[in-house]
């Protein structure tokens, strides 16, 4: 089992940037494909980005392509989400997720979740 802890969420103005981090502990981090998801109030959790175990392939939701970048450092057991050109509609709780089986691109494909970090983008 892997434990995940997110950090980096905060209040930012539209057009600004943030970097979210997800620290993993437990089983070897490189065993897991990773993803970022987000959930806005009264909305379902949605896929944001995913990355393969060795980091050589990344995938993004259309809504964040060109603005968000997912990356990982397996030596440091860390996952990141660099976000630029933030919009009010990016406001949500962002959670990282891990899977040994799938590349997590839907919530059901994730096996383990962090507790989430709040990102609020003001207009």
C-alpha atoms as a PDB file:
ATOM      1  CA  UNK A   1       0.000   0.000   0.000  1.00  0.00           C
ATOM      2  CA  UNK A   2       1.143   3.558  -0.677  1.00  0.00           C
ATOM      3  CA  UNK A   3       0.283   6.644   1.352  1.00  0.00           C
ATOM      4  CA  UNK A   4      -0.199   9.949  -0.444  1.00  0.00           C
ATOM      5  CA  UNK A   5      -0.111  13.484   0.939  1.00  0.00           C
ATOM      6  CA  UNK A   6      -0.792  16.534  -1.220  1.00  0.00           C
ATOM      7  CA  UNK A   7       0.356  20.083  -0.600  1.00  0.00           C
ATOM      8  CA  UNK A   8       0.629  23.389  -2.391  1.00  0.00           C
ATOM      9  CA  UNK A   9      -2.973  24.419  -2.791  1.00  0.00           C
ATOM     10  CA  UNK A  10      -3.883  28.020  -2.008  1.00  0.00           C
ATOM     11  CA  UNK A  11      -5.835  31.064  -3.113  1.00  0.00           C
ATOM     12  CA  UNK A  12      -4.486  32.573  -6.332  1.00  0.00           C
ATOM     13  CA  UNK A  13      -5.695  35.191  -8.781  1.00  0.00           C
ATOM     14  CA  UNK A  14      -6.837  34.282 -12.262  1.00  0.00           C
ATOM     15  CA  UNK A  15      -3.870  34.071 -14.601  1.00  0.00           C
ATOM     16  CA  UNK A  16      -1.585  32.992 -11.801  1.00  0.00           C
ATOM     17  CA  UNK A  17       0.378  29.812 -11.272  1.00  0.00           C
ATOM     18  CA  UNK A  18       0.710  27.107  -8.620  1.00  0.00           C
ATOM     19  CA  UNK A  19       2.642  23.905  -8.190  1.00  0.00           C
ATOM     20  CA  UNK A  20       1.001  21.079  -6.326  1.00  0.00           C
ATOM     21  CA  UNK A  21       3.045  18.312  -4.765  1.00  0.00           C
ATOM     22  CA  UNK A  22       2.135  14.786  -3.733  1.00  0.00           C
ATOM     23  CA  UNK A  23       4.483  12.942  -1.379  1.00  0.00           C
ATOM     24  CA  UNK A  24       4.328   9.162  -1.468  1.00  0.00           C
ATOM     25  CA  UNK A  25       5.439   6.718   1.197  1.00  0.00           C
ATOM     26  CA  UNK A  26       5.156   2.998   1.697  1.00  0.00           C
ATOM     27  CA  UNK A  27       5.660   0.739  -1.280  1.00  0.00           C
ATOM     28  CA  UNK A  28       8.184   1.727  -3.986  1.00  0.00           C
ATOM     29  CA  UNK A  29       6.808   4.786  -5.737  1.00  0.00           C
ATOM     30  CA  UNK A  30       7.977   3.601  -9.135  1.00  0.00           C
ATOM     31  CA  UNK A  31       5.525   0.674  -8.898  1.00  0.00           C
ATOM     32  CA  UNK A  32       2.610   3.068  -9.356  1.00  0.00           C
ATOM     33  CA  UNK A  33       1.176   4.959 -12.264  1.00  0.00           C
ATOM     34  CA  UNK A  34      -0.069   8.268 -10.907  1.00  0.00           C
ATOM     35  CA  UNK A  35      -2.788  10.767 -11.595  1.00  0.00           C
ATOM     36  CA  UNK A  36      -4.273  14.050 -10.488  1.00  0.00           C
ATOM     37  CA  UNK A  37      -8.010  14.509 -10.113  1.00  0.00           C
ATOM     38  CA  UNK A  38     -10.120  17.414  -8.938  1.00  0.00           C
ATOM     39  CA  UNK A  39     -13.548  17.930  -7.481  1.00  0.00           C
ATOM     40  CA  UNK A  40     -15.393  21.214  -7.421  1.00  0.00           C
ATOM     41  CA  UNK A  41     -18.345  21.828  -5.090  1.00  0.00           C
ATOM     42  CA  UNK A  42     -21.456  19.912  -6.165  1.00  0.00           C
ATOM     43  CA  UNK A  43     -19.601  18.350  -9.085  1.00  0.00           C
ATOM     44  CA  UNK A  44     -18.229  14.890  -9.672  1.00  0.00           C
ATOM     45  CA  UNK A  45     -14.541  14.166  -9.340  1.00  0.00           C
ATOM     46  CA  UNK A  46     -12.842  14.602 -12.693  1.00  0.00           C
ATOM     47  CA  UNK A  47      -9.577  13.528 -14.278  1.00  0.00           C
ATOM     48  CA  UNK A  48      -6.881  16.170 -14.666  1.00  0.00           C
ATOM     49  CA  UNK A  49      -3.632  14.429 -15.645  1.00  0.00           C
ATOM     50  CA  UNK A  50      -1.828  11.098 -15.459  1.00  0.00           C
ATOM     51  CA  UNK A  51       1.730   9.854 -15.777  1.00  0.00           C
ATOM     52  CA  UNK A  52       3.230   6.421 -16.342  1.00  0.00           C
ATOM     53  CA  UNK A  53       5.451   4.650 -13.829  1.00  0.00           C
ATOM     54  CA  UNK A  54       8.700   5.853 -15.353  1.00  0.00           C
ATOM     55  CA  UNK A  55       7.335   9.228 -16.359  1.00  0.00           C
ATOM     56  CA  UNK A  56       7.853   8.784 -20.076  1.00  0.00           C
ATOM     57  CA  UNK A  57       4.190   9.356 -21.005  1.00  0.00           C
ATOM     58  CA  UNK A  58       1.691  11.896 -19.776  1.00  0.00           C
ATOM     59  CA  UNK A  59      -2.006  12.422 -20.433  1.00  0.00           C
ATOM     60  CA  UNK A  60      -4.232  15.441 -19.822  1.00  0.00           C
ATOM     61  CA  UNK A  61      -7.856  16.416 -19.738  1.00  0.00           C
ATOM     62  CA  UNK A  62      -8.712  18.711 -22.624  1.00  0.00           C
ATOM     63  CA  UNK A  63      -9.616  21.474 -20.183  1.00  0.00           C
ATOM     64  CA  UNK A  64      -6.044  21.709 -18.849  1.00  0.00           C
ATOM     65  CA  UNK A  65      -3.912  20.860 -21.905  1.00  0.00           C
ATOM     66  CA  UNK A  66      -1.248  23.467 -22.477  1.00  0.00           C
ATOM     67  CA  UNK A  67      -1.696  24.934 -18.990  1.00  0.00           C
ATOM     68  CA  UNK A  68      -0.943  22.058 -16.606  1.00  0.00           C
ATOM     69  CA  UNK A  69       2.099  19.794 -16.516  1.00  0.00           C
ATOM     70  CA  UNK A  70       2.324  16.562 -14.546  1.00  0.00           C
ATOM     71  CA  UNK A  71       5.720  15.232 -13.555  1.00  0.00           C
ATOM     72  CA  UNK A  72       7.304  12.864 -11.066  1.00  0.00           C
ATOM     73  CA  UNK A  73      10.609  12.287  -9.334  1.00  0.00           C
ATOM     74  CA  UNK A  74      10.853   8.613  -8.448  1.00  0.00           C
ATOM     75  CA  UNK A  75      14.069   9.137  -6.513  1.00  0.00           C
ATOM     76  CA  UNK A  76      12.265  11.558  -4.195  1.00  0.00           C
ATOM     77  CA  UNK A  77       8.904   9.726  -4.194  1.00  0.00           C
ATOM     78  CA  UNK A  78       7.209  12.884  -5.416  1.00  0.00           C
ATOM     79  CA  UNK A  79       4.480  13.725  -7.909  1.00  0.00           C
ATOM     80  CA  UNK A  80       3.894  17.282  -9.129  1.00  0.00           C
ATOM     81  CA  UNK A  81       1.306  19.300 -10.976  1.00  0.00           C
ATOM     82  CA  UNK A  82       2.515  22.610 -12.373  1.00  0.00           C
ATOM     83  CA  UNK A  83      -0.436  24.853 -13.182  1.00  0.00           C
ATOM     84  CA  UNK A  84      -0.255  28.117 -15.109  1.00  0.00           C
ATOM     85  CA  UNK A  85      -2.810  30.520 -16.557  1.00  0.00           C
ATOM     86  CA  UNK A  86      -5.229  29.475 -13.845  1.00  0.00           C
ATOM     87  CA  UNK A  87      -8.918  30.184 -14.331  1.00  0.00           C
ATOM     88  CA  UNK A  88     -11.758  30.466 -11.799  1.00  0.00           C
ATOM     89  CA  UNK A  89     -13.159  27.214 -13.182  1.00  0.00           C
ATOM     90  CA  UNK A  90      -9.994  25.446 -11.993  1.00  0.00           C
ATOM     91  CA  UNK A  91     -11.178  25.982  -8.414  1.00  0.00           C
ATOM     92  CA  UNK A  92     -11.469  22.564  -6.759  1.00  0.00           C
ATOM     93  CA  UNK A  93      -9.970  20.138  -4.305  1.00  0.00           C
ATOM     94  CA  UNK A  94      -7.074  18.464  -6.103  1.00  0.00           C
ATOM     95  CA  UNK A  95      -6.148  14.905  -5.175  1.00  0.00           C
ATOM     96  CA  UNK A  96      -3.369  12.637  -6.300  1.00  0.00           C
ATOM     97  CA  UNK A  97      -4.071   8.987  -6.958  1.00  0.00           C
ATOM     98  CA  UNK A  98      -2.017   5.853  -7.504  1.00  0.00           C
ATOM     99  CA  UNK A  99      -2.585   2.557  -9.233  1.00  0.00           C
ATOM    100  CA  UNK A 100      -0.463  -0.531  -9.740  1.00  0.00           C
ATOM    101  CA  UNK A 101      -2.863  -1.869 -12.347  1.00  0.00           C
ATOM    102  CA  UNK A 102      -4.038   1.005 -14.520  1.00  0.00           C
ATOM    103  CA  UNK A 103      -2.924   4.403 -15.630  1.00  0.00           C
ATOM    104  CA  UNK A 104      -5.523   6.241 -13.541  1.00  0.00           C
ATOM    105  CA  UNK A 105      -7.605   8.288 -15.954  1.00  0.00           C
ATOM    106  CA  UNK A 106     -10.912   7.703 -14.214  1.00  0.00           C
ATOM    107  CA  UNK A 107     -11.578   7.650 -10.451  1.00  0.00           C
ATOM    108  CA  UNK A 108     -12.438   3.954 -10.583  1.00  0.00           C
ATOM    109  CA  UNK A 109      -8.995   3.171 -11.986  1.00  0.00           C
ATOM    110  CA  UNK A 110      -7.250   4.569  -8.913  1.00  0.00           C
ATOM    111  CA  UNK A 111      -6.446   2.331  -5.963  1.00  0.00           C
ATOM    112  CA  UNK A 112      -5.080   4.852  -3.479  1.00  0.00           C
ATOM    113  CA  UNK A 113      -5.913   8.485  -2.822  1.00  0.00           C
ATOM    114  CA  UNK A 114      -4.494  11.412  -0.947  1.00  0.00           C
ATOM    115  CA  UNK A 115      -6.682  13.651   1.198  1.00  0.00           C
ATOM    116  CA  UNK A 116      -6.646  16.532  -1.276  1.00  0.00           C
ATOM    117  CA  UNK A 117      -5.510  20.148  -1.315  1.00  0.00           C
ATOM    118  CA  UNK A 118      -7.752  23.139  -2.017  1.00  0.00           C
ATOM    119  CA  UNK A 119      -7.039  25.350  -4.996  1.00  0.00           C
ATOM    120  CA  UNK A 120      -9.100  28.533  -5.244  1.00  0.00           C
ATOM    121  CA  UNK A 121      -8.768  30.840  -8.227  1.00  0.00           C
ATOM    122  CA  UNK A 122     -10.292  34.285  -7.820  1.00  0.00           C
ATOM    123  CA  UNK A 123     -11.492  36.339 -10.771  1.00  0.00           C
END
